[in-house]
Amino acid sequence: MIHKLRDTQLRLRKSSVSEEPFLLGNATHPFAGFRVTAAIHGRQIVQSSQLTLVHGFLMSFTITGDSDQDLSEALRSLQASLAWTAAGP
């Protein structure tokens, strides 16, 4: 098991981390995020991790795709589906 973990760590050294170019938030719900691109077992993945604070609770979204374009399209679709409403009593 330790050898598999070390092998995975070596493969992930070839990854890159950048600022997320497509955040899910809006003017009243700011998000912070980053994007990771890596090759795992010979397959490229692109992952967006985004966070926001809502009423004292940290919300985290992690979305994974095969390419930057696929991931950005998934994020646009998710953002279009988000409906922010006022909290009840």
C-alpha atoms as a PDB file:
ATOM      1  CA  MET A   1       0.000   0.000   0.000  1.00  0.00           C
ATOM      2  CA  ILE A   2       2.818   2.431   0.867  1.00  0.00           C
ATOM      3  CA  HIS A   3       4.444   1.801  -2.527  1.00  0.00           C
ATOM      4  CA  LYS A   4       1.193   2.617  -4.343  1.00  0.00           C
ATOM      5  CA  LEU A   5       0.875   5.847  -2.353  1.00  0.00           C
ATOM      6  CA  ARG A   6       4.450   6.865  -3.209  1.00  0.00           C
ATOM      7  CA  ASP A   7       3.840   6.045  -6.877  1.00  0.00           C
ATOM      8  CA  THR A   8       0.725   8.238  -6.889  1.00  0.00           C
ATOM      9  CA  GLN A   9       2.623  11.074  -5.189  1.00  0.00           C
ATOM     10  CA  LEU A  10       5.330  10.910  -7.856  1.00  0.00           C
ATOM     11  CA  ARG A  11       2.716  11.070 -10.612  1.00  0.00           C
ATOM     12  CA  LEU A  12       0.987  14.051  -9.020  1.00  0.00           C
ATOM     13  CA  ARG A  13       4.215  16.049  -9.033  1.00  0.00           C
ATOM     14  CA  LYS A  14       3.467  16.631 -12.694  1.00  0.00           C
ATOM     15  CA  SER A  15       0.260  18.446 -11.767  1.00  0.00           C
ATOM     16  CA  SER A  16      -0.389  22.168 -11.969  1.00  0.00           C
ATOM     17  CA  VAL A  17      -2.487  24.422  -9.757  1.00  0.00           C
ATOM     18  CA  SER A  18      -3.953  27.737 -10.910  1.00  0.00           C
ATOM     19  CA  GLU A  19      -6.575  30.264  -9.922  1.00  0.00           C
ATOM     20  CA  GLU A  20     -10.081  29.134 -10.928  1.00  0.00           C
ATOM     21  CA  PRO A  21     -11.092  31.235 -13.959  1.00  0.00           C
ATOM     22  CA  PHE A  22     -14.831  30.492 -13.616  1.00  0.00           C
ATOM     23  CA  LEU A  23     -16.143  31.004 -10.075  1.00  0.00           C
ATOM     24  CA  LEU A  24     -19.682  29.933  -9.169  1.00  0.00           C
ATOM     25  CA  GLY A  25     -20.517  32.991  -7.056  1.00  0.00           C
ATOM     26  CA  ASN A  26     -22.278  36.261  -7.677  1.00  0.00           C
ATOM     27  CA  ALA A  27     -22.159  39.748  -6.106  1.00  0.00           C
ATOM     28  CA  THR A  28     -23.725  38.596  -2.828  1.00  0.00           C
ATOM     29  CA  HIS A  29     -22.169  35.110  -2.706  1.00  0.00           C
ATOM     30  CA  PRO A  30     -18.419  35.379  -3.323  1.00  0.00           C
ATOM     31  CA  PHE A  31     -16.481  32.184  -3.994  1.00  0.00           C
ATOM     32  CA  ALA A  32     -12.779  31.387  -3.826  1.00  0.00           C
ATOM     33  CA  GLY A  33     -11.371  28.584  -5.908  1.00  0.00           C
ATOM     34  CA  PHE A  34      -8.500  26.890  -7.634  1.00  0.00           C
ATOM     35  CA  ARG A  35      -8.086  24.510 -10.554  1.00  0.00           C
ATOM     36  CA  VAL A  36      -5.818  21.473 -10.668  1.00  0.00           C
ATOM     37  CA  THR A  37      -4.667  19.715 -13.827  1.00  0.00           C
ATOM     38  CA  ALA A  38      -3.013  16.331 -13.424  1.00  0.00           C
ATOM     39  CA  ALA A  39      -2.430  13.039 -15.155  1.00  0.00           C
ATOM     40  CA  ILE A  40      -3.454  10.056 -13.054  1.00  0.00           C
ATOM     41  CA  HIS A  41      -2.799   6.549 -14.372  1.00  0.00           C
ATOM     42  CA  GLY A  42      -2.222   8.008 -17.835  1.00  0.00           C
ATOM     43  CA  ARG A  43      -5.502   9.938 -17.896  1.00  0.00           C
ATOM     44  CA  GLN A  44      -5.708  13.734 -17.724  1.00  0.00           C
ATOM     45  CA  ILE A  45      -8.126  15.204 -15.227  1.00  0.00           C
ATOM     46  CA  VAL A  46      -9.006  18.804 -14.511  1.00  0.00           C
ATOM     47  CA  GLN A  47     -10.604  19.610 -11.168  1.00  0.00           C
ATOM     48  CA  SER A  48     -12.138  22.778  -9.763  1.00  0.00           C
ATOM     49  CA  SER A  49     -12.423  23.226  -6.000  1.00  0.00           C
ATOM     50  CA  GLN A  50     -14.540  26.169  -4.884  1.00  0.00           C
ATOM     51  CA  LEU A  51     -15.555  27.420  -1.454  1.00  0.00           C
ATOM     52  CA  THR A  52     -17.996  29.950  -0.054  1.00  0.00           C
ATOM     53  CA  LEU A  53     -19.299  30.843   3.395  1.00  0.00           C
ATOM     54  CA  VAL A  54     -23.098  30.804   3.858  1.00  0.00           C
ATOM     55  CA  HIS A  55     -24.575  31.699   7.253  1.00  0.00           C
ATOM     56  CA  GLY A  56     -21.416  30.579   9.017  1.00  0.00           C
ATOM     57  CA  PHE A  57     -21.194  27.279   7.146  1.00  0.00           C
ATOM     58  CA  LEU A  58     -18.399  26.539   4.698  1.00  0.00           C
ATOM     59  CA  MET A  59     -19.762  25.114   1.448  1.00  0.00           C
ATOM     60  CA  SER A  60     -17.393  23.295  -0.872  1.00  0.00           C
ATOM     61  CA  PHE A  61     -17.938  22.283  -4.491  1.00  0.00           C
ATOM     62  CA  THR A  62     -15.501  19.965  -6.286  1.00  0.00           C
ATOM     63  CA  ILE A  63     -16.114  19.338  -9.967  1.00  0.00           C
ATOM     64  CA  THR A  64     -13.930  17.093 -12.144  1.00  0.00           C
ATOM     65  CA  GLY A  65     -13.670  16.897 -15.934  1.00  0.00           C
ATOM     66  CA  ASP A  66     -11.465  15.545 -18.704  1.00  0.00           C
ATOM     67  CA  SER A  67     -10.425  18.959 -20.068  1.00  0.00           C
ATOM     68  CA  ASP A  68     -10.561  22.668 -19.230  1.00  0.00           C
ATOM     69  CA  GLN A  69     -13.388  23.089 -21.730  1.00  0.00           C
ATOM     70  CA  ASP A  70     -15.457  20.208 -20.275  1.00  0.00           C
ATOM     71  CA  LEU A  71     -14.935  21.512 -16.752  1.00  0.00           C
ATOM     72  CA  SER A  72     -15.871  25.097 -17.683  1.00  0.00           C
ATOM     73  CA  GLU A  73     -19.051  23.847 -19.403  1.00  0.00           C
ATOM     74  CA  ALA A  74     -19.978  21.828 -16.299  1.00  0.00           C
ATOM     75  CA  LEU A  75     -19.390  24.890 -14.100  1.00  0.00           C
ATOM     76  CA  ARG A  76     -21.560  27.082 -16.344  1.00  0.00           C
ATOM     77  CA  SER A  77     -24.341  24.496 -16.165  1.00  0.00           C
ATOM     78  CA  LEU A  78     -24.053  24.248 -12.380  1.00  0.00           C
ATOM     79  CA  GLN A  79     -24.028  28.036 -11.959  1.00  0.00           C
ATOM     80  CA  ALA A  80     -27.158  28.348 -14.094  1.00  0.00           C
ATOM     81  CA  SER A  81     -28.879  25.840 -11.773  1.00  0.00           C
ATOM     82  CA  LEU A  82     -27.911  27.527  -8.499  1.00  0.00           C
ATOM     83  CA  ALA A  83     -30.776  29.436  -6.909  1.00  0.00           C
ATOM     84  CA  TRP A  84     -29.749  31.618  -3.965  1.00  0.00           C
ATOM     85  CA  THR A  85     -32.688  32.459  -1.717  1.00  0.00           C
ATOM     86  CA  ALA A  86     -33.040  34.338   1.551  1.00  0.00           C
ATOM     87  CA  ALA A  87     -32.691  32.181   4.655  1.00  0.00           C
ATOM     88  CA  GLY A  88     -35.858  31.424   6.576  1.00  0.00           C
ATOM     89  CA  PRO A  89     -36.373  32.081  10.305  1.00  0.00           C
END
